[in-house]
Amino acid sequence: MSRYKNGNPKHASRFICMKCMNENMLASGIQRQRQRERKHIKDLYCLKCGEVTKCIEVRFCDSYEEIFEAAKIKRENYYIDEYESEVDEYVLQNRSTKQKC
């Protein structure tokens, strides 16, 4: 039996919030008994955002910069910027007015 009940503290994971793109300090240091797949996505509470958000896991063996770049790309699947949503609303409004004519 392992002497570490919740996994090895040397193998602690870190998480990047994909909404605000900051490190989620609330979940830092989660220890894993078994390693998750690379770029694992987890729902965690973010202190900065004040809500549960999608976070990407940075394992002890991963490069933080590499995972951060991957998070920028994957972020588009979960969150869009306010500017983009405003543009989408504007386009939808224009379409609806054109259809009425």
Foldseek 3Di string as FASTA:
>chain_A
DDPDPQADQLWWKWKAFLVVRHTQPVRGRRHHNDDDDAQDWDFDQGPVVRGTGIITIATSPHDPVVSSVVSPVCSVVPDDDPVVVVVVVVVVVVVVVVVVD
